[in-house]
Amino acid sequence: MSNIEAPILKILSEYTNKNLTEFAVTEPFENIGIDSLSLVEVIFDIEEYFDIVIPNESEIADKGFSLRCLGDVYQLVNALITEKE
């Protein structure tokens, strides 16, 4: 597990009662109990934890990313941290 995965899983676990380790990183957020409102809150928490700014959906898409599943979040956060350094 990378150094970003554990904190992201911890943040997500606050918004669902499901065991996130049982799901593939490609599982859509809806399937693990994260609705669009919860995802907005998750994004705020991730921004605060990693001291990054996650762009709006169109900017994310322009960069070739999305926020449909856990794997997407890992890739985006990793890219934003790398970009920041």
C-alpha atoms as a PDB file:
ATOM      1  CA  MET A   1       0.000   0.000   0.000  1.00  0.00           C
ATOM      2  CA  SER A   2       1.420   3.349  -1.013  1.00  0.00           C
ATOM      3  CA  ASN A   3       1.741   6.289   1.342  1.00  0.00           C
ATOM      4  CA  ILE A   4      -1.407   7.883  -0.102  1.00  0.00           C
ATOM      5  CA  GLU A   5      -3.665   4.828  -0.051  1.00  0.00           C
ATOM      6  CA  ALA A   6      -3.959   4.370   3.722  1.00  0.00           C
ATOM      7  CA  PRO A   7      -5.028   7.964   4.476  1.00  0.00           C
ATOM      8  CA  ILE A   8      -7.493   7.964   1.566  1.00  0.00           C
ATOM      9  CA  LEU A   9      -9.016   4.670   2.734  1.00  0.00           C
ATOM     10  CA  LYS A  10      -9.300   6.086   6.252  1.00  0.00           C
ATOM     11  CA  ILE A  11     -11.085   9.185   4.947  1.00  0.00           C
ATOM     12  CA  LEU A  12     -13.448   7.128   2.785  1.00  0.00           C
ATOM     13  CA  SER A  13     -14.229   4.755   5.636  1.00  0.00           C
ATOM     14  CA  GLU A  14     -15.735   7.687   7.561  1.00  0.00           C
ATOM     15  CA  TYR A  15     -18.436   7.956   4.872  1.00  0.00           C
ATOM     16  CA  THR A  16     -19.409   4.300   4.431  1.00  0.00           C
ATOM     17  CA  ASN A  17     -20.066   1.366   6.702  1.00  0.00           C
ATOM     18  CA  LYS A  18     -18.542  -1.116   4.244  1.00  0.00           C
ATOM     19  CA  ASN A  19     -15.132  -2.736   4.491  1.00  0.00           C
ATOM     20  CA  LEU A  20     -13.261  -0.987   1.705  1.00  0.00           C
ATOM     21  CA  THR A  21     -10.575  -3.659   1.485  1.00  0.00           C
ATOM     22  CA  GLU A  22     -13.229  -6.019   0.103  1.00  0.00           C
ATOM     23  CA  PHE A  23     -13.658  -3.905  -3.021  1.00  0.00           C
ATOM     24  CA  ALA A  24     -11.479  -3.597  -6.112  1.00  0.00           C
ATOM     25  CA  VAL A  25      -9.978  -0.169  -6.755  1.00  0.00           C
ATOM     26  CA  THR A  26     -12.077  -0.082  -9.938  1.00  0.00           C
ATOM     27  CA  GLU A  27     -15.387  -0.502  -8.080  1.00  0.00           C
ATOM     28  CA  PRO A  28     -17.610   2.568  -8.652  1.00  0.00           C
ATOM     29  CA  PHE A  29     -18.139   4.697  -5.558  1.00  0.00           C
ATOM     30  CA  GLU A  30     -21.903   4.136  -5.705  1.00  0.00           C
ATOM     31  CA  ASN A  31     -21.305   0.409  -5.161  1.00  0.00           C
ATOM     32  CA  ILE A  32     -19.410   1.045  -1.933  1.00  0.00           C
ATOM     33  CA  GLY A  33     -21.956   3.459  -0.505  1.00  0.00           C
ATOM     34  CA  ILE A  34     -20.333   6.763  -1.444  1.00  0.00           C
ATOM     35  CA  ASP A  35     -22.918   9.036  -3.077  1.00  0.00           C
ATOM     36  CA  SER A  36     -22.163  12.320  -4.850  1.00  0.00           C
ATOM     37  CA  LEU A  37     -22.647  14.428  -1.713  1.00  0.00           C
ATOM     38  CA  SER A  38     -20.350  12.192   0.319  1.00  0.00           C
ATOM     39  CA  LEU A  39     -17.784  12.302  -2.486  1.00  0.00           C
ATOM     40  CA  VAL A  40     -17.695  16.110  -2.263  1.00  0.00           C
ATOM     41  CA  GLU A  41     -16.994  15.828   1.463  1.00  0.00           C
ATOM     42  CA  VAL A  42     -14.345  13.163   0.808  1.00  0.00           C
ATOM     43  CA  ILE A  43     -12.662  15.492  -1.681  1.00  0.00           C
ATOM     44  CA  PHE A  44     -12.555  18.308   0.882  1.00  0.00           C
ATOM     45  CA  ASP A  45     -11.028  15.951   3.452  1.00  0.00           C
ATOM     46  CA  ILE A  46      -8.428  14.692   0.961  1.00  0.00           C
ATOM     47  CA  GLU A  47      -7.522  18.262  -0.009  1.00  0.00           C
ATOM     48  CA  GLU A  48      -7.045  19.186   3.624  1.00  0.00           C
ATOM     49  CA  TYR A  49      -5.047  16.062   4.508  1.00  0.00           C
ATOM     50  CA  PHE A  50      -2.639  16.288   1.560  1.00  0.00           C
ATOM     51  CA  ASP A  51      -2.649  20.115   1.296  1.00  0.00           C
ATOM     52  CA  ILE A  52      -3.669  19.985  -2.366  1.00  0.00           C
ATOM     53  CA  VAL A  53      -6.470  21.458  -4.463  1.00  0.00           C
ATOM     54  CA  ILE A  54      -8.531  19.012  -6.480  1.00  0.00           C
ATOM     55  CA  PRO A  55      -9.790  20.806  -9.590  1.00  0.00           C
ATOM     56  CA  ASN A  56     -13.394  20.782 -10.775  1.00  0.00           C
ATOM     57  CA  GLU A  57     -14.697  17.912 -12.893  1.00  0.00           C
ATOM     58  CA  SER A  58     -14.003  19.501 -16.280  1.00  0.00           C
ATOM     59  CA  GLU A  59     -10.410  20.301 -15.334  1.00  0.00           C
ATOM     60  CA  ILE A  60      -9.965  16.767 -14.011  1.00  0.00           C
ATOM     61  CA  ALA A  61     -11.284  15.364 -17.297  1.00  0.00           C
ATOM     62  CA  ASP A  62      -8.991  17.683 -19.279  1.00  0.00           C
ATOM     63  CA  LYS A  63      -6.043  16.175 -17.397  1.00  0.00           C
ATOM     64  CA  GLY A  64      -7.256  12.666 -18.282  1.00  0.00           C
ATOM     65  CA  PHE A  65      -8.581  11.770 -14.834  1.00  0.00           C
ATOM     66  CA  SER A  66     -11.990  11.072 -13.320  1.00  0.00           C
ATOM     67  CA  LEU A  67     -13.443  10.444  -9.877  1.00  0.00           C
ATOM     68  CA  ARG A  68     -15.543   7.342 -10.466  1.00  0.00           C
ATOM     69  CA  CYS A  69     -13.648   4.910  -8.267  1.00  0.00           C
ATOM     70  CA  LEU A  70     -10.914   4.551  -5.664  1.00  0.00           C
ATOM     71  CA  GLY A  71      -8.213   3.912  -8.271  1.00  0.00           C
ATOM     72  CA  ASP A  72      -9.110   7.205  -9.960  1.00  0.00           C
ATOM     73  CA  VAL A  73      -8.676   9.060  -6.675  1.00  0.00           C
ATOM     74  CA  TYR A  74      -5.300   7.403  -6.027  1.00  0.00           C
ATOM     75  CA  GLN A  75      -4.040   8.401  -9.482  1.00  0.00           C
ATOM     76  CA  LEU A  76      -5.317  11.966  -9.257  1.00  0.00           C
ATOM     77  CA  VAL A  77      -3.990  12.602  -5.741  1.00  0.00           C
ATOM     78  CA  ASN A  78      -0.628  11.095  -6.660  1.00  0.00           C
ATOM     79  CA  ALA A  79      -0.427  13.336  -9.753  1.00  0.00           C
ATOM     80  CA  LEU A  80      -1.407  16.451  -7.774  1.00  0.00           C
ATOM     81  CA  ILE A  81       1.161  15.730  -5.063  1.00  0.00           C
ATOM     82  CA  THR A  82       3.859  15.153  -7.684  1.00  0.00           C
ATOM     83  CA  GLU A  83       2.827  18.351  -9.481  1.00  0.00           C
ATOM     84  CA  LYS A  84       3.036  20.289  -6.212  1.00  0.00           C
ATOM     85  CA  GLU A  85       6.579  19.127  -5.433  1.00  0.00           C
END
